[in-house]
N, C-alpha and C. Protein backbone atom coordinates (compact mmCIF):
# COMPACT_ATOMS: atom_id res chain seq x y z
N VAL A 1 6.92 7.98 1.12
CA VAL A 1 7.27 8.31 -0.50
C VAL A 1 6.53 9.99 -1.01
N MET A 2 7.77 10.39 -1.72
CA MET A 2 7.73 11.82 -2.21
C MET A 2 6.68 11.74 -3.69
N LEU A 3 5.72 13.04 -3.36
CA LEU A 3 5.07 13.38 -4.35
C LEU A 3 5.09 15.31 -4.80
N GLU A 4 5.04 15.00 -5.88
CA GLU A 4 4.94 16.11 -6.59
C GLU A 4 3.62 16.89 -7.12
N PRO A 5 3.87 18.11 -7.03
CA PRO A 5 2.07 18.76 -7.13
C PRO A 5 1.43 18.43 -8.39
N SER A 6 2.23 17.82 -9.44
CA SER A 6 1.88 17.06 -10.32
C SER A 6 0.92 15.79 -10.26
N ASP A 7 1.15 15.20 -9.05
CA ASP A 7 0.60 13.97 -8.51
C ASP A 7 -0.67 13.83 -7.60
N LEU A 8 -0.95 15.14 -7.51
CA LEU A 8 -2.45 15.10 -6.75
C LEU A 8 -3.40 15.27 -7.60
N GLY A 9 -4.28 15.44 -7.10
CA GLY A 9 -5.80 15.58 -7.71
C GLY A 9 -6.41 14.65 -8.49
N LYS A 10 -6.04 13.10 -7.86
CA LYS A 10 -6.62 12.28 -8.55
C LYS A 10 -5.89 10.83 -7.98
N ASP A 11 -6.79 9.77 -7.75
CA ASP A 11 -6.47 8.42 -6.86
C ASP A 11 -5.75 7.65 -7.60
N LEU A 12 -4.60 6.89 -6.66
CA LEU A 12 -4.21 6.24 -7.16
C LEU A 12 -3.86 5.05 -5.98
N THR A 13 -3.17 4.02 -7.14
CA THR A 13 -3.13 2.72 -6.63
C THR A 13 -2.41 2.46 -5.44
N LEU A 14 -2.17 1.55 -4.56
CA LEU A 14 -0.75 0.92 -4.38
C LEU A 14 -0.80 -0.37 -3.86
N PHE A 15 0.55 -0.79 -4.62
CA PHE A 15 0.21 -2.19 -4.98
C PHE A 15 1.56 -2.77 -3.46
N VAL A 16 1.36 -4.04 -2.50
CA VAL A 16 1.86 -3.99 -2.01
C VAL A 16 2.50 -5.38 -1.82
N ALA A 17 3.99 -6.07 -1.61
CA ALA A 17 4.66 -6.94 -2.23
C ALA A 17 3.83 -7.87 -1.20
N ALA A 18 4.16 -9.01 -1.31
CA ALA A 18 3.62 -10.37 -0.81
C ALA A 18 3.66 -10.00 0.48
N ILE A 19 2.66 -10.66 1.01
CA ILE A 19 2.67 -10.40 2.99
C ILE A 19 1.90 -11.55 3.40
N ASP A 20 2.78 -12.27 4.12
CA ASP A 20 2.63 -13.78 4.83
C ASP A 20 2.49 -13.25 6.56
N ASP A 21 1.33 -13.22 6.67
CA ASP A 21 0.12 -13.62 6.45
C ASP A 21 -1.27 -12.47 6.71
N ILE A 22 -1.35 -11.45 7.25
CA ILE A 22 -2.43 -10.21 7.34
C ILE A 22 -1.71 -8.82 6.99
N ASP A 23 -2.71 -8.29 6.72
CA ASP A 23 -1.82 -7.35 6.49
C ASP A 23 -2.46 -6.27 6.60
N THR A 24 -2.87 -4.95 7.59
CA THR A 24 -3.51 -3.54 7.58
C THR A 24 -2.89 -2.38 6.90
N THR A 25 -3.15 -1.41 5.64
CA THR A 25 -2.23 -0.81 5.40
C THR A 25 -2.97 0.57 5.60
N TYR A 26 -2.15 1.42 5.37
CA TYR A 26 -2.14 3.18 6.29
C TYR A 26 -1.97 3.80 4.87
N PHE A 27 -2.06 4.81 4.42
CA PHE A 27 -1.70 5.91 4.04
C PHE A 27 -1.46 7.18 4.59
N ASN A 28 -0.70 7.78 4.97
CA ASN A 28 -0.59 9.09 5.84
C ASN A 28 -1.76 9.10 7.09
N GLY A 29 -1.23 7.57 7.50
CA GLY A 29 -2.68 7.62 9.10
C GLY A 29 -3.78 6.85 8.91
N VAL A 30 -4.20 6.66 7.42
CA VAL A 30 -5.58 6.54 7.32
C VAL A 30 -5.58 5.42 6.65
N LYS A 31 -6.62 4.71 7.31
CA LYS A 31 -6.48 2.96 6.22
C LYS A 31 -6.77 3.24 5.51
N LEU A 32 -6.15 2.31 4.41
CA LEU A 32 -6.66 1.51 3.32
C LEU A 32 -7.29 0.54 3.00
N GLY A 33 -6.83 -0.16 3.99
CA GLY A 33 -7.95 -1.99 4.00
C GLY A 33 -6.92 -2.31 4.28
N PHE A 34 -7.02 -3.96 4.44
CA PHE A 34 -7.33 -5.00 5.28
C PHE A 34 -7.28 -6.33 4.44
N THR A 35 -6.35 -7.05 4.24
CA THR A 35 -6.31 -8.82 3.33
C THR A 35 -5.58 -9.55 4.72
N ASP A 36 -6.29 -10.81 4.03
CA ASP A 36 -5.98 -12.21 5.02
C ASP A 36 -5.66 -13.05 4.26
N GLY A 37 -4.35 -13.41 4.41
CA GLY A 37 -4.17 -14.38 3.50
C GLY A 37 -2.87 -14.40 3.03
N TYR A 38 -1.83 -15.63 2.84
CA TYR A 38 -0.38 -15.48 2.85
C TYR A 38 0.03 -15.08 1.25
N ASN A 39 -1.06 -15.58 0.21
CA ASN A 39 -0.80 -15.71 -1.03
C ASN A 39 -2.07 -14.75 -2.32
N LYS A 40 -2.25 -14.44 -1.44
CA LYS A 40 -3.64 -13.13 -2.40
C LYS A 40 -2.49 -11.68 -2.30
N PRO A 41 -3.22 -11.00 -3.43
CA PRO A 41 -2.91 -9.54 -4.26
C PRO A 41 -3.03 -8.53 -3.25
N ARG A 42 -2.19 -7.34 -3.02
CA ARG A 42 -2.45 -6.41 -1.95
C ARG A 42 -2.57 -5.05 -3.07
N LYS A 43 -3.81 -4.84 -3.20
CA LYS A 43 -4.09 -3.51 -3.65
C LYS A 43 -5.30 -2.56 -3.84
N TYR A 44 -4.74 -1.69 -3.17
CA TYR A 44 -5.59 -0.55 -2.32
C TYR A 44 -5.55 0.96 -2.91
N THR A 45 -6.76 1.10 -2.82
CA THR A 45 -7.06 2.74 -4.02
C THR A 45 -6.53 4.12 -2.20
N VAL A 46 -5.62 4.80 -2.88
CA VAL A 46 -5.43 5.75 -2.78
C VAL A 46 -6.42 6.97 -2.55
N PRO A 47 -7.52 7.22 -1.84
CA PRO A 47 -8.04 8.82 -2.53
C PRO A 47 -7.35 10.36 -2.45
N ALA A 48 -7.29 10.38 -3.46
CA ALA A 48 -6.56 12.13 -3.85
C ALA A 48 -6.52 12.52 -2.72
N ARG A 49 -7.70 13.03 -1.74
CA ARG A 49 -8.11 13.56 -0.99
C ARG A 49 -6.92 13.18 0.31
N LEU A 50 -6.10 12.17 0.31
CA LEU A 50 -4.94 11.91 1.00
C LEU A 50 -3.75 12.10 0.82
N LEU A 51 -3.20 12.51 -0.34
CA LEU A 51 -2.50 13.00 -0.85
C LEU A 51 -1.63 14.43 -0.59
N LYS A 52 -0.27 14.44 -1.16
CA LYS A 52 0.06 15.81 0.02
C LYS A 52 1.70 15.80 -1.18
N PRO A 53 1.88 16.81 -1.67
CA PRO A 53 3.00 17.52 -2.01
C PRO A 53 3.82 17.23 -1.11
N GLY A 54 4.98 16.43 -1.29
CA GLY A 54 6.18 15.91 -0.58
C GLY A 54 6.50 15.01 -0.05
N LYS A 55 6.37 14.44 1.40
CA LYS A 55 6.36 13.49 1.92
C LYS A 55 5.18 12.89 2.10
N ASN A 56 5.20 11.93 1.92
CA ASN A 56 3.99 10.98 2.25
C ASN A 56 4.11 9.76 2.80
N THR A 57 3.36 9.01 4.00
CA THR A 57 4.11 7.83 4.69
C THR A 57 2.81 6.67 4.56
N ILE A 58 3.36 5.66 4.27
CA ILE A 58 2.92 4.43 3.88
C ILE A 58 3.08 3.46 5.34
N VAL A 59 2.31 3.05 5.61
CA VAL A 59 2.54 1.74 6.78
C VAL A 59 1.93 0.72 6.50
N VAL A 60 2.74 -0.62 6.54
CA VAL A 60 2.05 -1.54 6.89
C VAL A 60 2.67 -2.84 7.53
N LYS A 61 0.84 -2.10 8.48
CA LYS A 61 1.18 -3.41 9.57
C LYS A 61 1.18 -4.79 9.46
N VAL A 62 1.69 -6.08 9.98
CA VAL A 62 2.44 -6.87 9.29
C VAL A 62 1.79 -8.18 10.35
N LEU A 63 0.98 -9.02 10.49
CA LEU A 63 0.45 -10.23 11.43
C LEU A 63 0.82 -11.43 10.88
N ASP A 64 1.48 -12.08 11.61
CA ASP A 64 1.93 -13.55 11.62
C ASP A 64 1.36 -14.52 12.30
N THR A 65 0.40 -15.46 11.42
CA THR A 65 -0.45 -16.40 12.27
C THR A 65 0.34 -17.70 12.43
N GLY A 66 1.41 -18.06 11.94
CA GLY A 66 1.78 -19.30 11.65
C GLY A 66 3.43 -19.35 11.01
N GLY A 67 3.96 -20.18 11.21
CA GLY A 67 5.24 -20.87 10.19
C GLY A 67 6.13 -19.24 10.05
N GLY A 68 6.63 -19.17 8.91
CA GLY A 68 7.47 -17.95 8.20
C GLY A 68 5.96 -17.01 8.33
N GLY A 69 6.94 -15.72 7.91
CA GLY A 69 5.95 -14.04 8.29
C GLY A 69 6.85 -12.92 7.60
N GLY A 70 5.80 -12.70 6.77
CA GLY A 70 6.50 -10.96 6.97
C GLY A 70 6.68 -10.03 5.57
N VAL A 71 7.09 -9.34 5.07
CA VAL A 71 6.98 -9.15 3.36
C VAL A 71 7.74 -9.85 2.78
N HIS A 72 7.05 -10.26 1.80
CA HIS A 72 8.36 -10.71 0.48
C HIS A 72 7.94 -10.57 -0.75
N GLY A 73 8.95 -11.26 -1.74
CA GLY A 73 9.13 -10.31 -2.52
C GLY A 73 10.16 -9.07 -3.16
N GLU A 74 9.79 -8.41 -4.38
CA GLU A 74 10.84 -7.88 -4.53
C GLU A 74 10.23 -6.39 -4.76
N PRO A 75 11.42 -5.65 -4.23
CA PRO A 75 11.21 -3.90 -4.29
C PRO A 75 10.40 -3.50 -5.09
N GLU A 76 10.60 -3.88 -6.35
CA GLU A 76 9.61 -3.53 -7.31
C GLU A 76 8.11 -3.61 -7.65
N ASN A 77 7.61 -4.42 -6.54
CA ASN A 77 6.74 -4.92 -6.44
C ASN A 77 5.91 -4.30 -5.21
N VAL A 78 6.15 -3.02 -4.41
CA VAL A 78 5.43 -2.70 -3.70
C VAL A 78 5.44 -1.08 -4.66
N ARG A 79 4.26 -0.19 -5.05
CA ARG A 79 4.21 0.71 -5.62
C ARG A 79 3.27 1.66 -6.06
N LEU A 80 3.24 3.32 -6.62
CA LEU A 80 1.57 3.66 -6.32
C LEU A 80 2.05 4.08 -7.71
N GLN A 81 0.40 3.86 -8.00
CA GLN A 81 0.02 4.56 -10.03
C GLN A 81 -0.74 4.71 -9.96
N THR A 82 -1.23 5.30 -11.17
CA THR A 82 -2.41 5.88 -11.64
C THR A 82 -3.34 5.25 -12.03
N PRO A 83 -4.22 4.28 -11.59
CA PRO A 83 -5.91 3.62 -11.92
C PRO A 83 -5.49 3.38 -13.62
N ALA A 84 -5.62 2.33 -14.38
CA ALA A 84 -6.49 2.48 -15.61
C ALA A 84 -7.24 2.48 -16.01
N ARG A 85 -7.48 3.61 -16.70
CA ARG A 85 -8.84 4.14 -17.12
C ARG A 85 -9.75 3.32 -18.19
């Protein structure tokens, strides 16, 4: 994801589409969190200290424990946003 200098200096929230079954999510190589369960929402705080202007990398490692698996849902369900205060 590309960030502008104006995007820096505040924590962001990363929403990840539906995952079947388990995810471990990273931002610029730092683990943000882990969720186990195919029907659970994925919402992770991205600390401002991890943000840099230009290219930033999001990695979602998915583990399927049986049946169908992977990332599901619409592309707009994966997004970064400023948390509501």
